[in-house]
Amino acid sequence: MHVRGEATTTEAKPPTRWPLSLVVFLLFWFLFGAIAMYYSSQVTTRWRSGDVAGAKQASKSALIVNLIGIGVGLLFWILVIVAGS
């Protein structure tokens, strides 16, 4: 079934990772969050154009960038706390 330009496939649309991207942007490391938000926005865009593989890759890229942002952000905050004591 073809709905509003979305891909015609039996697969489910990959997750966009928007909530995690926002959390990373606001709490951990804004640069990684911004990059992840870009990839998150690409998931729906690519899915609607029928690029299923591209949507999956964008979702995966958003997740990887988010995880790196969390790691870098946690390390940064730990260093700030240790340096402050």
C-alpha atoms as a PDB file:
ATOM      1  CA  MET A   1       0.000   0.000   0.000  1.00  0.00           C
ATOM      2  CA  HIS A   2       1.376   3.380  -1.021  1.00  0.00           C
ATOM      3  CA  VAL A   3       0.585   6.190   1.427  1.00  0.00           C
ATOM      4  CA  ARG A   4       1.630   9.836   0.967  1.00  0.00           C
ATOM      5  CA  GLY A   5       4.782   9.062  -0.950  1.00  0.00           C
ATOM      6  CA  GLU A   6       6.145   6.601   1.596  1.00  0.00           C
ATOM      7  CA  ALA A   7       8.171   3.603   0.497  1.00  0.00           C
ATOM      8  CA  THR A   8       6.209   0.604  -0.674  1.00  0.00           C
ATOM      9  CA  THR A   9       7.727  -2.162   1.394  1.00  0.00           C
ATOM     10  CA  THR A  10       6.659  -4.622   4.036  1.00  0.00           C
ATOM     11  CA  GLU A  11       9.515  -3.464   6.258  1.00  0.00           C
ATOM     12  CA  ALA A  12       8.875  -1.058   9.083  1.00  0.00           C
ATOM     13  CA  LYS A  13      10.360   2.405   8.821  1.00  0.00           C
ATOM     14  CA  PRO A  14      13.646   2.585  10.758  1.00  0.00           C
ATOM     15  CA  PRO A  15      13.598   4.645  13.958  1.00  0.00           C
ATOM     16  CA  THR A  16      14.472   8.303  13.471  1.00  0.00           C
ATOM     17  CA  ARG A  17      16.298   8.622  16.826  1.00  0.00           C
ATOM     18  CA  TRP A  18      14.924  12.161  17.331  1.00  0.00           C
ATOM     19  CA  PRO A  19      14.399  11.899  21.115  1.00  0.00           C
ATOM     20  CA  LEU A  20      17.905  10.582  21.719  1.00  0.00           C
ATOM     21  CA  SER A  21      19.368  13.212  19.394  1.00  0.00           C
ATOM     22  CA  LEU A  22      17.643  15.969  21.367  1.00  0.00           C
ATOM     23  CA  VAL A  23      18.881  14.581  24.677  1.00  0.00           C
ATOM     24  CA  VAL A  24      22.445  14.400  23.353  1.00  0.00           C
ATOM     25  CA  PHE A  25      22.151  17.937  21.978  1.00  0.00           C
ATOM     26  CA  LEU A  26      20.837  19.405  25.222  1.00  0.00           C
ATOM     27  CA  LEU A  27      22.643  17.389  27.898  1.00  0.00           C
ATOM     28  CA  PHE A  28      25.825  15.885  26.524  1.00  0.00           C
ATOM     29  CA  TRP A  29      27.526  17.448  23.520  1.00  0.00           C
ATOM     30  CA  PHE A  30      25.641  19.810  21.244  1.00  0.00           C
ATOM     31  CA  LEU A  31      27.805  19.237  18.159  1.00  0.00           C
ATOM     32  CA  PHE A  32      27.193  15.484  18.136  1.00  0.00           C
ATOM     33  CA  GLY A  33      23.510  16.097  18.883  1.00  0.00           C
ATOM     34  CA  ALA A  34      23.244  18.463  15.917  1.00  0.00           C
ATOM     35  CA  ILE A  35      24.911  15.968  13.585  1.00  0.00           C
ATOM     36  CA  ALA A  36      22.625  13.208  14.884  1.00  0.00           C
ATOM     37  CA  MET A  37      19.584  15.454  14.314  1.00  0.00           C
ATOM     38  CA  TYR A  38      20.659  15.861  10.699  1.00  0.00           C
ATOM     39  CA  TYR A  39      20.825  12.087  10.228  1.00  0.00           C
ATOM     40  CA  SER A  40      17.519  11.701  12.090  1.00  0.00           C
ATOM     41  CA  SER A  41      15.851  14.074   9.654  1.00  0.00           C
ATOM     42  CA  GLN A  42      17.220  12.070   6.738  1.00  0.00           C
ATOM     43  CA  VAL A  43      15.456   8.873   7.850  1.00  0.00           C
ATOM     44  CA  THR A  44      11.954  10.085   7.002  1.00  0.00           C
ATOM     45  CA  THR A  45      13.100  11.992   3.909  1.00  0.00           C
ATOM     46  CA  ARG A  46      14.815   8.955   2.447  1.00  0.00           C
ATOM     47  CA  TRP A  47      12.025   6.594   3.489  1.00  0.00           C
ATOM     48  CA  ARG A  48       9.399   8.693   1.729  1.00  0.00           C
ATOM     49  CA  SER A  49      11.479   8.843  -1.439  1.00  0.00           C
ATOM     50  CA  GLY A  50      11.696   5.041  -1.488  1.00  0.00           C
ATOM     51  CA  ASP A  51      15.349   4.825  -0.432  1.00  0.00           C
ATOM     52  CA  VAL A  52      14.934   2.083   2.177  1.00  0.00           C
ATOM     53  CA  ALA A  53      18.665   1.333   2.410  1.00  0.00           C
ATOM     54  CA  GLY A  54      19.428   5.045   2.802  1.00  0.00           C
ATOM     55  CA  ALA A  55      16.832   5.389   5.558  1.00  0.00           C
ATOM     56  CA  LYS A  56      18.337   2.430   7.415  1.00  0.00           C
ATOM     57  CA  GLN A  57      21.831   3.862   7.045  1.00  0.00           C
ATOM     58  CA  ALA A  58      20.714   7.299   8.261  1.00  0.00           C
ATOM     59  CA  SER A  59      19.075   5.699  11.318  1.00  0.00           C
ATOM     60  CA  LYS A  60      22.217   3.715  12.051  1.00  0.00           C
ATOM     61  CA  SER A  61      24.405   6.802  11.593  1.00  0.00           C
ATOM     62  CA  ALA A  62      22.192   8.807  13.958  1.00  0.00           C
ATOM     63  CA  LEU A  63      22.495   6.078  16.596  1.00  0.00           C
ATOM     64  CA  ILE A  64      26.288   5.870  16.259  1.00  0.00           C
ATOM     65  CA  VAL A  65      26.741   9.644  16.446  1.00  0.00           C
ATOM     66  CA  ASN A  66      24.411   9.782  19.462  1.00  0.00           C
ATOM     67  CA  LEU A  67      26.364   7.070  21.274  1.00  0.00           C
ATOM     68  CA  ILE A  68      29.651   8.836  20.558  1.00  0.00           C
ATOM     69  CA  GLY A  69      28.120  12.090  21.804  1.00  0.00           C
ATOM     70  CA  ILE A  70      26.989  10.426  25.019  1.00  0.00           C
ATOM     71  CA  GLY A  71      30.455   8.938  25.551  1.00  0.00           C
ATOM     72  CA  VAL A  72      32.278  12.203  24.879  1.00  0.00           C
ATOM     73  CA  GLY A  73      29.754  14.170  26.934  1.00  0.00           C
ATOM     74  CA  LEU A  74      29.994  11.833  29.922  1.00  0.00           C
ATOM     75  CA  LEU A  75      33.779  11.970  29.789  1.00  0.00           C
ATOM     76  CA  PHE A  76      33.645  15.770  29.631  1.00  0.00           C
ATOM     77  CA  TRP A  77      31.262  16.052  32.605  1.00  0.00           C
ATOM     78  CA  ILE A  78      33.314  13.579  34.646  1.00  0.00           C
ATOM     79  CA  LEU A  79      36.454  15.629  33.969  1.00  0.00           C
ATOM     80  CA  VAL A  80      34.643  18.839  34.925  1.00  0.00           C
ATOM     81  CA  ILE A  81      33.464  17.314  38.202  1.00  0.00           C
ATOM     82  CA  VAL A  82      36.892  15.853  39.024  1.00  0.00           C
ATOM     83  CA  ALA A  83      38.661  19.138  38.168  1.00  0.00           C
ATOM     84  CA  GLY A  84      36.224  21.054  40.342  1.00  0.00           C
ATOM     85  CA  SER A  85      36.853  19.005  43.471  1.00  0.00           C
END
